[in-house]
Every structure is written in structure tokens, then in C-alpha cells.
PDB file of N, CA and C in Angstrom:
ATOM      1  N   LYS A   1     -41.204  49.175  51.941  1.00  0.00           N
ATOM      2  CA  LYS A   1     -40.403  48.181  52.644  1.00  0.00           C
ATOM      3  C   LYS A   1     -40.610  46.806  52.013  1.00  0.00           C
ATOM      4  N   ARG A   2     -41.819  46.472  51.665  1.00  0.00           N
ATOM      5  CA  ARG A   2     -42.084  45.165  51.069  1.00  0.00           C
ATOM      6  C   ARG A   2     -41.483  45.054  49.674  1.00  0.00           C
ATOM      7  N   ALA A   3     -41.439  46.120  48.941  1.00  0.00           N
ATOM      8  CA  ALA A   3     -40.864  46.096  47.593  1.00  0.00           C
ATOM      9  C   ALA A   3     -39.385  45.732  47.665  1.00  0.00           C
ATOM     10  N   ALA A   4     -38.694  46.226  48.664  1.00  0.00           N
ATOM     11  CA  ALA A   4     -37.275  45.912  48.830  1.00  0.00           C
ATOM     12  C   ALA A   4     -37.084  44.435  49.156  1.00  0.00           C
ATOM     13  N   ASP A   5     -37.994  43.869  49.950  1.00  0.00           N
ATOM     14  CA  ASP A   5     -37.903  42.444  50.288  1.00  0.00           C
ATOM     15  C   ASP A   5     -38.092  41.580  49.051  1.00  0.00           C
ATOM     16  N   GLU A   6     -39.036  41.970  48.182  1.00  0.00           N
ATOM     17  CA  GLU A   6     -39.294  41.188  46.976  1.00  0.00           C
ATOM     18  C   GLU A   6     -38.095  41.198  46.043  1.00  0.00           C
ATOM     19  N   VAL A   7     -37.416  42.323  45.928  1.00  0.00           N
ATOM     20  CA  VAL A   7     -36.247  42.430  45.049  1.00  0.00           C
ATOM     21  C   VAL A   7     -35.118  41.545  45.568  1.00  0.00           C
ATOM     22  N   SER A   8     -34.894  41.557  46.881  1.00  0.00           N
ATOM     23  CA  SER A   8     -33.801  40.751  47.436  1.00  0.00           C
ATOM     24  C   SER A   8     -34.102  39.258  47.324  1.00  0.00           C
ATOM     25  N   SER A   9     -35.382  38.876  47.440  1.00  0.00           N
ATOM     26  CA  SER A   9     -35.705  37.455  47.318  1.00  0.00           C
ATOM     27  C   SER A   9     -35.491  36.973  45.890  1.00  0.00           C
ATOM     28  N   GLU A  10     -35.736  37.837  44.899  1.00  0.00           N
ATOM     29  CA  GLU A  10     -35.480  37.459  43.514  1.00  0.00           C
ATOM     30  C   GLU A  10     -33.987  37.310  43.262  1.00  0.00           C
ATOM     31  N   ALA A  11     -33.193  38.150  43.896  1.00  0.00           N
ATOM     32  CA  ALA A  11     -31.747  38.090  43.707  1.00  0.00           C
ATOM     33  C   ALA A  11     -31.167  36.823  44.328  1.00  0.00           C
ATOM     34  N   LYS A  12     -31.814  36.309  45.351  1.00  0.00           N
ATOM     35  CA  LYS A  12     -31.301  35.123  46.038  1.00  0.00           C
ATOM     36  C   LYS A  12     -31.644  33.827  45.327  1.00  0.00           C
ATOM     37  N   LYS A  13     -32.563  33.869  44.370  1.00  0.00           N
ATOM     38  CA  LYS A  13     -32.927  32.653  43.656  1.00  0.00           C
ATOM     39  C   LYS A  13     -31.738  32.186  42.822  1.00  0.00           C
ATOM     40  N   PRO A  14     -31.511  30.885  42.746  1.00  0.00           N
ATOM     41  CA  PRO A  14     -30.376  30.400  41.943  1.00  0.00           C
ATOM     42  C   PRO A  14     -30.607  30.663  40.466  1.00  0.00           C
ATOM     43  N   ARG A  15     -29.522  31.060  39.800  1.00  0.00           N
ATOM     44  CA  ARG A  15     -29.626  31.335  38.370  1.00  0.00           C
ATOM     45  C   ARG A  15     -29.596  30.032  37.593  1.00  0.00           C
ATOM     46  N   VAL A  16     -30.402  29.970  36.566  1.00  0.00           N
ATOM     47  CA  VAL A  16     -30.401  28.810  35.690  1.00  0.00           C
ATOM     48  C   VAL A  16     -29.400  29.104  34.582  1.00  0.00           C
ATOM     49  N   GLU A  17     -28.415  28.203  34.411  1.00  0.00           N
ATOM     50  CA  GLU A  17     -27.408  28.430  33.382  1.00  0.00           C
ATOM     51  C   GLU A  17     -28.048  28.293  32.008  1.00  0.00           C
ATOM     52  N   ASP A  18     -27.639  29.184  31.122  1.00  0.00           N
ATOM     53  CA  ASP A  18     -28.201  29.109  29.784  1.00  0.00           C
ATOM     54  C   ASP A  18     -27.576  27.944  29.022  1.00  0.00           C
ATOM     55  N   GLU A  19     -28.256  27.501  27.993  1.00  0.00           N
ATOM     56  CA  GLU A  19     -27.847  26.310  27.247  1.00  0.00           C
ATOM     57  C   GLU A  19     -26.509  26.501  26.555  1.00  0.00           C
ATOM     58  N   GLU A  20     -26.217  27.721  26.143  1.00  0.00           N
ATOM     59  CA  GLU A  20     -24.952  27.995  25.445  1.00  0.00           C
ATOM     60  C   GLU A  20     -23.757  27.741  26.368  1.00  0.00           C
ATOM     61  N   ARG A  21     -23.871  28.173  27.605  1.00  0.00           N
ATOM     62  CA  ARG A  21     -22.783  27.986  28.571  1.00  0.00           C
ATOM     63  C   ARG A  21     -22.567  26.498  28.853  1.00  0.00           C
ATOM     64  N   VAL A  22     -23.650  25.747  29.007  1.00  0.00           N
ATOM     65  CA  VAL A  22     -23.556  24.309  29.256  1.00  0.00           C
ATOM     66  C   VAL A  22     -22.901  23.615  28.066  1.00  0.00           C
ATOM     67  N   ARG A  23     -23.282  24.017  26.860  1.00  0.00           N
ATOM     68  CA  ARG A  23     -22.715  23.415  25.658  1.00  0.00           C
ATOM     69  C   ARG A  23     -21.210  23.689  25.568  1.00  0.00           C
ATOM     70  N   LEU A  24     -20.798  24.919  25.891  1.00  0.00           N
ATOM     71  CA  LEU A  24     -19.371  25.261  25.859  1.00  0.00           C
ATOM     72  C   LEU A  24     -18.586  24.457  26.890  1.00  0.00           C
ATOM     73  N   ASP A  25     -19.154  24.281  28.081  1.00  0.00           N
ATOM     74  CA  ASP A  25     -18.488  23.481  29.113  1.00  0.00           C
ATOM     75  C   ASP A  25     -18.318  22.036  28.662  1.00  0.00           C
ATOM     76  N   LYS A  26     -19.352  21.483  28.031  1.00  0.00           N
ATOM     77  CA  LYS A  26     -19.262  20.104  27.541  1.00  0.00           C
ATOM     78  C   LYS A  26     -18.203  19.978  26.451  1.00  0.00           C
ATOM     79  N   GLU A  27     -18.118  20.984  25.576  1.00  0.00           N
ATOM     80  CA  GLU A  27     -17.104  20.957  24.515  1.00  0.00           C
ATOM     81  C   GLU A  27     -15.697  21.027  25.100  1.00  0.00           C
ATOM     82  N   ARG A  28     -15.512  21.874  26.125  1.00  0.00           N
ATOM     83  CA  ARG A  28     -14.201  21.974  26.781  1.00  0.00           C
ATOM     84  C   ARG A  28     -13.813  20.654  27.435  1.00  0.00           C
ATOM     85  N   LEU A  29     -14.761  20.009  28.084  1.00  0.00           N
ATOM     86  CA  LEU A  29     -14.488  18.723  28.720  1.00  0.00           C
ATOM     87  C   LEU A  29     -14.126  17.675  27.680  1.00  0.00           C
ATOM     88  N   ALA A  30     -14.858  17.633  26.584  1.00  0.00           N
ATOM     89  CA  ALA A  30     -14.565  16.672  25.519  1.00  0.00           C
ATOM     90  C   ALA A  30     -13.184  16.929  24.924  1.00  0.00           C
ATOM     91  N   ALA A  31     -12.820  18.203  24.759  1.00  0.00           N
ATOM     92  CA  ALA A  31     -11.498  18.538  24.213  1.00  0.00           C
ATOM     93  C   ALA A  31     -10.395  18.096  25.162  1.00  0.00           C
ATOM     94  N   ARG A  32     -10.611  18.274  26.458  1.00  0.00           N
ATOM     95  CA  ARG A  32      -9.611  17.822  27.441  1.00  0.00           C
ATOM     96  C   ARG A  32      -9.441  16.312  27.388  1.00  0.00           C
ATOM     97  N   LEU A  33     -10.551  15.602  27.333  1.00  0.00           N
ATOM     98  CA  LEU A  33     -10.476  14.144  27.300  1.00  0.00           C
ATOM     99  C   LEU A  33      -9.817  13.659  26.020  1.00  0.00           C
ATOM    100  N   GLU A  34     -10.095  14.296  24.895  1.00  0.00           N
ATOM    101  CA  GLU A  34      -9.473  13.919  23.626  1.00  0.00           C
ATOM    102  C   GLU A  34      -7.978  14.212  23.663  1.00  0.00           C
ATOM    103  N   GLY A  35      -7.595  15.324  24.274  1.00  0.00           N
ATOM    104  CA  GLY A  35      -6.181  15.679  24.381  1.00  0.00           C
ATOM    105  C   GLY A  35      -5.421  14.681  25.229  1.00  0.00           C
ATOM    106  N   HIS A  36      -6.083  14.098  26.203  1.00  0.00           N
ATOM    107  CA  HIS A  36      -5.434  13.129  27.094  1.00  0.00           C
ATOM    108  C   HIS A  36      -5.177  11.811  26.374  1.00  0.00           C
ATOM    109  N   LYS A  37      -5.976  11.491  25.381  1.00  0.00           N
ATOM    110  CA  LYS A  37      -5.812  10.228  24.667  1.00  0.00           C
ATOM    111  C   LYS A  37      -4.504  10.172  23.891  1.00  0.00           C
ATOM    112  N   GLU A  38      -3.926  11.328  23.543  1.00  0.00           N
ATOM    113  CA  GLU A  38      -2.689  11.346  22.774  1.00  0.00           C
ATOM    114  C   GLU A  38      -1.541  10.722  23.555  1.00  0.00           C
ATOM    115  N   GLY A  39      -1.596  10.762  24.877  1.00  0.00           N
ATOM    116  CA  GLY A  39      -0.534  10.210  25.703  1.00  0.00           C
ATOM    117  C   GLY A  39      -0.564   8.695  25.791  1.00  0.00           C
ATOM    118  N   ILE A  40      -1.610   8.054  25.318  1.00  0.00           N
ATOM    119  CA  ILE A  40      -1.729   6.601  25.393  1.00  0.00           C
ATOM    120  C   ILE A  40      -0.763   5.970  24.394  1.00  0.00           C
ATOM    121  N   VAL A  41      -0.035   4.947  24.836  1.00  0.00           N
ATOM    122  CA  VAL A  41       0.953   4.283  23.987  1.00  0.00           C
ATOM    123  C   VAL A  41       0.238   3.342  23.030  1.00  0.00           C
ATOM    124  N   GLN A  42       0.612   3.435  21.780  1.00  0.00           N
ATOM    125  CA  GLN A  42       0.040   2.539  20.783  1.00  0.00           C
ATOM    126  C   GLN A  42       1.019   1.398  20.547  1.00  0.00           C
ATOM    127  N   THR A  43       0.519   0.184  20.497  1.00  0.00           N
ATOM    128  CA  THR A  43       1.396  -0.987  20.375  1.00  0.00           C
ATOM    129  C   THR A  43       2.089  -1.061  19.024  1.00  0.00           C
ATOM    130  N   ASP A  44       1.560  -0.384  18.003  1.00  0.00           N
ATOM    131  CA  ASP A  44       2.201  -0.403  16.686  1.00  0.00           C
ATOM    132  C   ASP A  44       3.544   0.318  16.714  1.00  0.00           C
ATOM    133  N   GLN A  45       3.671   1.315  17.593  1.00  0.00           N
ATOM    134  CA  GLN A  45       4.873   2.136  17.610  1.00  0.00           C
ATOM    135  C   GLN A  45       5.924   1.632  18.590  1.00  0.00           C
ATOM    136  N   ILE A  46       5.677   0.558  19.303  1.00  0.00           N
ATOM    137  CA  ILE A  46       6.633   0.041  20.278  1.00  0.00           C
ATOM    138  C   ILE A  46       7.767  -0.661  19.547  1.00  0.00           C
ATOM    139  N   ARG A  47       9.000  -0.315  19.947  1.00  0.00           N
ATOM    140  CA  ARG A  47      10.165  -0.994  19.382  1.00  0.00           C
ATOM    141  C   ARG A  47      11.192  -1.164  20.486  1.00  0.00           C
ATOM    142  N   SER A  48      12.199  -1.917  20.233  1.00  0.00           N
ATOM    143  CA  SER A  48      13.202  -2.238  21.235  1.00  0.00           C
ATOM    144  C   SER A  48      13.941  -0.971  21.668  1.00  0.00           C
ATOM    145  N   LEU A  49      14.274  -0.900  22.960  1.00  0.00           N
ATOM    146  CA  LEU A  49      14.989   0.257  23.478  1.00  0.00           C
ATOM    147  C   LEU A  49      16.390   0.341  22.883  1.00  0.00           C
ATOM    148  N   SER A  50      17.009  -0.805  22.680  1.00  0.00           N
ATOM    149  CA  SER A  50      18.357  -0.805  22.104  1.00  0.00           C
ATOM    150  C   SER A  50      18.345  -0.313  20.658  1.00  0.00           C
ATOM    151  N   GLU A  51      17.229  -0.470  19.966  1.00  0.00           N
ATOM    152  CA  GLU A  51      17.110   0.068  18.609  1.00  0.00           C
ATOM    153  C   GLU A  51      16.933   1.579  18.642  1.00  0.00           C
ATOM    154  N   ALA A  52      16.208   2.075  19.623  1.00  0.00           N
ATOM    155  CA  ALA A  52      15.894   3.495  19.683  1.00  0.00           C
ATOM    156  C   ALA A  52      17.053   4.328  20.217  1.00  0.00           C
ATOM    157  N   MET A  53      17.836   3.795  21.180  1.00  0.00           N
ATOM    158  CA  MET A  53      18.914   4.559  21.816  1.00  0.00           C
ATOM    159  C   MET A  53      20.198   3.763  21.816  1.00  0.00           C
ATOM    160  N   SER A  54      21.279   4.514  21.931  1.00  0.00           N
ATOM    161  CA  SER A  54      22.574   3.843  22.023  1.00  0.00           C
ATOM    162  C   SER A  54      22.775   3.345  23.454  1.00  0.00           C
ATOM    163  N   VAL A  55      23.733   2.450  23.614  1.00  0.00           N
ATOM    164  CA  VAL A  55      24.019   1.881  24.933  1.00  0.00           C
ATOM    165  C   VAL A  55      24.488   2.970  25.884  1.00  0.00           C
ATOM    166  N   GLU A  56      25.230   3.950  25.380  1.00  0.00           N
ATOM    167  CA  GLU A  56      25.735   5.038  26.221  1.00  0.00           C
ATOM    168  C   GLU A  56      24.587   5.886  26.769  1.00  0.00           C
ATOM    169  N   LYS A  57      23.591   6.164  25.927  1.00  0.00           N
ATOM    170  CA  LYS A  57      22.447   6.960  26.385  1.00  0.00           C
ATOM    171  C   LYS A  57      21.664   6.217  27.461  1.00  0.00           C
ATOM    172  N   ILE A  58      21.482   4.914  27.264  1.00  0.00           N
ATOM    173  CA  ILE A  58      20.756   4.104  28.252  1.00  0.00           C
ATOM    174  C   ILE A  58      21.511   4.103  29.571  1.00  0.00           C
ATOM    175  N   ALA A  59      22.845   3.956  29.523  1.00  0.00           N
ATOM    176  CA  ALA A  59      23.665   3.965  30.736  1.00  0.00           C
ATOM    177  C   ALA A  59      23.591   5.326  31.424  1.00  0.00           C
ATOM    178  N   ALA A  60      23.570   6.405  30.646  1.00  0.00           N
ATOM    179  CA  ALA A  60      23.481   7.742  31.226  1.00  0.00           C
ATOM    180  C   ALA A  60      22.145   7.933  31.941  1.00  0.00           C
ATOM    181  N   ILE A  61      21.073   7.438  31.342  1.00  0.00           N
ATOM    182  CA  ILE A  61      19.748   7.550  31.968  1.00  0.00           C
ATOM    183  C   ILE A  61      19.695   6.738  33.256  1.00  0.00           C
ATOM    184  N   LYS A  62      20.270   5.525  33.239  1.00  0.00           N
ATOM    185  CA  LYS A  62      20.308   4.697  34.453  1.00  0.00           C
ATOM    186  C   LYS A  62      21.093   5.390  35.551  1.00  0.00           C
ATOM    187  N   ALA A  63      22.242   5.991  35.194  1.00  0.00           N
ATOM    188  CA  ALA A  63      23.063   6.695  36.184  1.00  0.00           C
ATOM    189  C   ALA A  63      22.302   7.881  36.772  1.00  0.00           C
ATOM    190  N   LYS A  64      21.568   8.584  35.934  1.00  0.00           N
ATOM    191  CA  LYS A  64      20.780   9.725  36.401  1.00  0.00           C
ATOM    192  C   LYS A  64      19.699   9.278  37.383  1.00  0.00           C
ATOM    193  N   ILE A  65      19.033   8.171  37.076  1.00  0.00           N
ATOM    194  CA  ILE A  65      17.986   7.643  37.963  1.00  0.00           C
ATOM    195  C   ILE A  65      18.584   7.229  39.304  1.00  0.00           C
ATOM    196  N   MET A  66      19.734   6.551  39.267  1.00  0.00           N
ATOM    197  CA  MET A  66      20.375   6.114  40.515  1.00  0.00           C
ATOM    198  C   MET A  66      20.829   7.309  41.349  1.00  0.00           C
ATOM    199  N   ALA A  67      21.365   8.350  40.696  1.00  0.00           N
ATOM    200  CA  ALA A  67      21.791   9.547  41.421  1.00  0.00           C
ATOM    201  C   ALA A  67      20.597  10.226  42.083  1.00  0.00           C
ATOM    202  N   LYS A  68      19.479  10.257  41.391  1.00  0.00           N
ATOM    203  CA  LYS A  68      18.273  10.865  41.960  1.00  0.00           C
ATOM    204  C   LYS A  68      17.777  10.058  43.156  1.00  0.00           C
ATOM    205  N   LYS A  69      17.846   8.718  43.062  1.00  0.00           N
ATOM    206  CA  LYS A  69      17.435   7.867  44.186  1.00  0.00           C
ATOM    207  C   LYS A  69      18.305   8.119  45.404  1.00  0.00           C
ATOM    208  N   ARG A  70      19.616   8.295  45.180  1.00  0.00           N
ATOM    209  CA  ARG A  70      20.534   8.525  46.301  1.00  0.00           C
ATOM    210  C   ARG A  70      20.283   9.875  46.962  1.00  0.00           C
ATOM    211  N   SER A  71      19.885  10.871  46.173  1.00  0.00           N
ATOM    212  CA  SER A  71      19.714  12.213  46.728  1.00  0.00           C
ATOM    213  C   SER A  71      18.373  12.393  47.434  1.00  0.00           C
ATOM    214  N   THR A  72      17.388  11.541  47.149  1.00  0.00           N
ATOM    215  CA  THR A  72      16.086  11.693  47.801  1.00  0.00           C
ATOM    216  C   THR A  72      16.118  11.085  49.196  1.00  0.00           C
ATOM    217  N   ILE A  73      15.267  11.603  50.051  1.00  0.00           N
ATOM    218  CA  ILE A  73      15.191  11.128  51.427  1.00  0.00           C
ATOM    219  C   ILE A  73      14.289   9.909  51.470  1.00  0.00           C
ATOM    220  N   LYS A  74      14.771   8.864  52.104  1.00  0.00           N
ATOM    221  CA  LYS A  74      13.966   7.650  52.223  1.00  0.00           C
ATOM    222  C   LYS A  74      12.978   7.817  53.369  1.00  0.00           C
ATOM    223  N   THR A  75      11.761   7.392  53.142  1.00  0.00           N
ATOM    224  CA  THR A  75      10.727   7.488  54.172  1.00  0.00           C
ATOM    225  C   THR A  75      10.249   6.107  54.585  1.00  0.00           C
ATOM    226  N   ASP A  76      11.138   5.126  54.553  1.00  0.00           N
ATOM    227  CA  ASP A  76      10.755   3.775  54.934  1.00  0.00           C
ATOM    228  C   ASP A  76      10.608   3.690  56.444  1.00  0.00           C
ATOM    229  N   LEU A  77       9.440   3.292  56.900  1.00  0.00           N
ATOM    230  CA  LEU A  77       9.211   3.105  58.330  1.00  0.00           C
ATOM    231  C   LEU A  77       9.337   1.633  58.707  1.00  0.00           C
ATOM    232  N   ASP A  78       9.719   0.807  57.736  1.00  0.00           N
ATOM    233  CA  ASP A  78       9.801  -0.622  57.986  1.00  0.00           C
ATOM    234  C   ASP A  78      11.123  -1.040  58.619  1.00  0.00           C
ATOM    235  N   ASP A  79      12.089  -0.139  58.681  1.00  0.00           N
ATOM    236  CA  ASP A  79      13.379  -0.501  59.259  1.00  0.00           C
ATOM    237  C   ASP A  79      13.213  -0.846  60.734  1.00  0.00           C
ATOM    238  N   ASP A  80      13.984  -1.838  61.206  1.00  0.00           N
ATOM    239  CA  ASP A  80      13.890  -2.267  62.605  1.00  0.00           C
ATOM    240  C   ASP A  80      14.284  -1.150  63.558  1.00  0.00           C
ATOM    241  N   ILE A  81      15.319  -0.399  63.203  1.00  0.00           N
ATOM    242  CA  ILE A  81      15.794   0.676  64.077  1.00  0.00           C
ATOM    243  C   ILE A  81      14.714   1.741  64.221  1.00  0.00           C
ATOM    244  N   THR A  82      14.095   2.095  63.125  1.00  0.00           N
ATOM    245  CA  THR A  82      13.048   3.113  63.162  1.00  0.00           C
ATOM    246  C   THR A  82      11.874   2.645  64.012  1.00  0.00           C
ATOM    247  N   LEU A  83      11.502   1.379  63.877  1.00  0.00           N
ATOM    248  CA  LEU A  83      10.383   0.854  64.663  1.00  0.00           C
ATOM    249  C   LEU A  83      10.714   0.834  66.146  1.00  0.00           C
ATOM    250  N   LYS A  84      11.956   0.460  66.493  1.00  0.00           N
ATOM    251  CA  LYS A  84      12.354   0.453  67.905  1.00  0.00           C
ATOM    252  C   LYS A  84      12.313   1.858  68.479  1.00  0.00           C
ATOM    253  N   GLN A  85      12.838   2.836  67.716  1.00  0.00           N
ATOM    254  CA  GLN A  85      12.820   4.216  68.191  1.00  0.00           C
ATOM    255  C   GLN A  85      11.389   4.713  68.336  1.00  0.00           C
ATOM    256  N   ARG A  86      10.543   4.371  67.402  1.00  0.00           N
ATOM    257  CA  ARG A  86       9.151   4.813  67.445  1.00  0.00           C
ATOM    258  C   ARG A  86       8.436   4.225  68.663  1.00  0.00           C
ATOM    259  N   SER A  87       8.669   2.943  68.965  1.00  0.00           N
ATOM    260  CA  SER A  87       8.015   2.335  70.122  1.00  0.00           C
ATOM    261  C   SER A  87       8.526   2.958  71.414  1.00  0.00           C
ATOM    262  N   PHE A  88       9.829   3.315  71.442  1.00  0.00           N
ATOM    263  CA  PHE A  88      10.394   3.969  72.615  1.00  0.00           C
ATOM    264  C   PHE A  88       9.737   5.329  72.823  1.00  0.00           C
ATOM    265  N   VAL A  89       9.567   6.085  71.749  1.00  0.00           N
ATOM    266  CA  VAL A  89       8.936   7.401  71.836  1.00  0.00           C
ATOM    267  C   VAL A  89       7.482   7.256  72.269  1.00  0.00           C
ATOM    268  N   ASP A  90       6.781   6.264  71.738  1.00  0.00           N
ATOM    269  CA  ASP A  90       5.390   6.040  72.124  1.00  0.00           C
ATOM    270  C   ASP A  90       5.275   5.722  73.609  1.00  0.00           C
ATOM    271  N   ALA A  91       6.214   4.927  74.135  1.00  0.00           N
ATOM    272  CA  ALA A  91       6.208   4.599  75.559  1.00  0.00           C
ATOM    273  C   ALA A  91       6.444   5.854  76.392  1.00  0.00           C
ATOM    274  N   GLU A  92       7.356   6.705  75.942  1.00  0.00           N
ATOM    275  CA  GLU A  92       7.625   7.948  76.660  1.00  0.00           C
ATOM    276  C   GLU A  92       6.398   8.865  76.651  1.00  0.00           C
ATOM    277  N   VAL A  93       5.691   8.900  75.556  1.00  0.00           N
ATOM    278  CA  VAL A  93       4.491   9.732  75.460  1.00  0.00           C
ATOM    279  C   VAL A  93       3.438   9.239  76.443  1.00  0.00           C
ATOM    280  N   ASP A  94       3.290   7.921  76.553  1.00  0.00           N
ATOM    281  CA  ASP A  94       2.312   7.365  77.492  1.00  0.00           C
ATOM    282  C   ASP A  94       2.667   7.724  78.931  1.00  0.00           C
ATOM    283  N   VAL A  95       3.956   7.603  79.282  1.00  0.00           N
ATOM    284  CA  VAL A  95       4.399   7.928  80.646  1.00  0.00           C
ATOM    285  C   VAL A  95       4.171   9.407  80.926  1.00  0.00           C
ATOM    286  N   THR A  96       4.540  10.247  79.974  1.00  0.00           N
ATOM    287  CA  THR A  96       4.372  11.690  80.153  1.00  0.00           C
ATOM    288  C   THR A  96       2.901  12.048  80.306  1.00  0.00           C
ATOM    289  N   ARG A  97       2.047  11.449  79.501  1.00  0.00           N
ATOM    290  CA  ARG A  97       0.611  11.726  79.584  1.00  0.00           C
ATOM    291  C   ARG A  97       0.072  11.306  80.954  1.00  0.00           C
ATOM    292  N   ASP A  98       0.547  10.180  81.477  1.00  0.00           N
ATOM    293  CA  ASP A  98       0.108   9.695  82.782  1.00  0.00           C
ATOM    294  C   ASP A  98       0.529  10.666  83.878  1.00  0.00           C
ATOM    295  N   ILE A  99       1.767  11.145  83.804  1.00  0.00           N
ATOM    296  CA  ILE A  99       2.269  12.081  84.817  1.00  0.00           C
ATOM    297  C   ILE A  99       1.481  13.383  84.775  1.00  0.00           C
ATOM    298  N   VAL A 100       1.243  13.905  83.587  1.00  0.00           N
ATOM    299  CA  VAL A 100       0.521  15.172  83.459  1.00  0.00           C
ATOM    300  C   VAL A 100      -0.911  15.028  83.968  1.00  0.00           C
ATOM    301  N   SER A 101      -1.535  13.888  83.740  1.00  0.00           N
ATOM    302  CA  SER A 101      -2.912  13.714  84.205  1.00  0.00           C
ATOM    303  C   SER A 101      -2.989  13.651  85.730  1.00  0.00           C
ATOM    304  N   ARG A 102      -1.940  13.144  86.366  1.00  0.00           N
ATOM    305  CA  ARG A 102      -1.945  13.056  87.832  1.00  0.00           C
ATOM    306  C   ARG A 102      -1.438  14.323  88.497  1.00  0.00           C
ATOM    307  N   GLU A 103      -0.800  15.191  87.735  1.00  0.00           N
ATOM    308  CA  GLU A 103      -0.195  16.391  88.296  1.00  0.00           C
ATOM    309  C   GLU A 103      -1.271  17.308  88.861  1.00  0.00           C
ATOM    310  N   ARG A 104      -1.004  17.801  90.037  1.00  0.00           N
ATOM    311  CA  ARG A 104      -1.959  18.694  90.679  1.00  0.00           C
ATOM    312  C   ARG A 104      -1.507  20.129  90.462  1.00  0.00           C
ATOM    313  N   VAL A 105      -2.416  20.953  90.005  1.00  0.00           N
ATOM    314  CA  VAL A 105      -2.092  22.345  89.736  1.00  0.00           C
ATOM    315  C   VAL A 105      -2.496  23.163  90.951  1.00  0.00           C
ATOM    316  N   TRP A 106      -1.494  23.803  91.562  1.00  0.00           N
ATOM    317  CA  TRP A 106      -1.762  24.641  92.714  1.00  0.00           C
ATOM    318  C   TRP A 106      -2.182  26.008  92.217  1.00  0.00           C
ATOM    319  N   ARG A 107      -3.366  26.433  92.642  1.00  0.00           N
ATOM    320  CA  ARG A 107      -3.870  27.722  92.205  1.00  0.00           C
ATOM    321  C   ARG A 107      -4.017  28.634  93.410  1.00  0.00           C
ATOM    322  N   THR A 108      -3.390  29.761  93.285  1.00  0.00           N
ATOM    323  CA  THR A 108      -3.516  30.775  94.328  1.00  0.00           C
ATOM    324  C   THR A 108      -4.352  31.917  93.771  1.00  0.00           C
ATOM    325  N   ARG A 109      -4.585  32.878  94.622  1.00  0.00           N
ATOM    326  CA  ARG A 109      -5.389  34.014  94.180  1.00  0.00           C
ATOM    327  C   ARG A 109      -4.702  34.731  93.025  1.00  0.00           C
ATOM    328  N   THR A 110      -3.396  34.828  93.089  1.00  0.00           N
ATOM    329  CA  THR A 110      -2.645  35.523  92.039  1.00  0.00           C
ATOM    330  C   THR A 110      -2.730  34.773  90.717  1.00  0.00           C
ATOM    331  N   THR A 111      -2.565  33.450  90.741  1.00  0.00           N
ATOM    332  CA  THR A 111      -2.599  32.691  89.489  1.00  0.00           C
ATOM    333  C   THR A 111      -3.994  32.689  88.878  1.00  0.00           C
ATOM    334  N   ILE A 112      -5.014  32.723  89.718  1.00  0.00           N
ATOM    335  CA  ILE A 112      -6.381  32.756  89.202  1.00  0.00           C
ATOM    336  C   ILE A 112      -6.665  34.088  88.518  1.00  0.00           C
ATOM    337  N   LEU A 113      -6.155  35.176  89.085  1.00  0.00           N
ATOM    338  CA  LEU A 113      -6.397  36.497  88.517  1.00  0.00           C
ATOM    339  C   LEU A 113      -5.565  36.756  87.260  1.00  0.00           C
ATOM    340  N   GLN A 114      -4.473  35.999  87.077  1.00  0.00           N
ATOM    341  CA  GLN A 114      -3.636  36.207  85.895  1.00  0.00           C
ATOM    342  C   GLN A 114      -4.350  35.704  84.648  1.00  0.00           C
ATOM    343  N   SER A 115      -4.001  36.328  83.533  1.00  0.00           N
ATOM    344  CA  SER A 115      -4.606  35.945  82.257  1.00  0.00           C
ATOM    345  C   SER A 115      -4.095  34.578  81.836  1.00  0.00           C
ATOM    346  N   SER A 116      -4.974  33.787  81.230  1.00  0.00           N
ATOM    347  CA  SER A 116      -4.569  32.456  80.776  1.00  0.00           C
ATOM    348  C   SER A 116      -3.803  32.531  79.462  1.00  0.00           C
ATOM    349  N   GLY A 117      -3.782  33.659  78.808  1.00  0.00           N
ATOM    350  CA  GLY A 117      -3.000  33.849  77.587  1.00  0.00           C
ATOM    351  C   GLY A 117      -3.612  33.244  76.347  1.00  0.00           C
ATOM    352  N   LYS A 118      -4.913  33.195  76.277  1.00  0.00           N
ATOM    353  CA  LYS A 118      -5.574  32.606  75.102  1.00  0.00           C
ATOM    354  C   LYS A 118      -5.563  33.560  73.951  1.00  0.00           C
TER     355      LYS A 118
END
């Protein structure tokens, strides 16, 4: 019986990662970080947009951006109408909570014996 306990206690000890695995993880992390640097804009390569694209292409991109803005749902809560509706709903919630807290629940023998449905 004691031999079985000793084996299980050895299995529960945390494993020490070998140096090769740690080295590979560090190399993978360094490769990821180096790969991310390629996305950084270099100031030597910056040139005017009108030189790089025609006016028609720029207009098409602007139209695409505007169409996407129109199709997305706005989540602005700063509108006056939204704030008024929100305050009205909050007031209703307070009234409802007050009524429910004062409400008296009549319990009969039948309702007590019925399952609460949890």
C-alpha cells in the first residue's frame, strides 16, 4: 500500500522543462516578434497618395468606406433621445422593483407542497 502512495506522489510533482524545450519556445517568440516588425512603416518608403493611386481609385475607396459606415449599426449612447428613453426605462425598473419588494406572496398548503421548479 505504501509503495503505491510513493509512486503517485512522484507523479504529482511538477515536471521541470528541459532546456531544449525552453530554447525552442524562446526562438519561436523571437521569430514572432521579428515577423511583426515587417508591418512597421518605414519613412523612406512614404510617398504621396496621389502619386501612388489614381483619383478614381481614391474615390472608389472613399465610396466603399462611406457605404460600410452606412451599413454598420451605430452604438452611440450620446444621443438625447436615447438618453431620455434610457432614463425612462431606469425609472420604470425602480418602480417595478419597489412594487415587487412590497408584494406579499400568499402561500397555501398546496403552493408550499408544489415544486419550485429549480
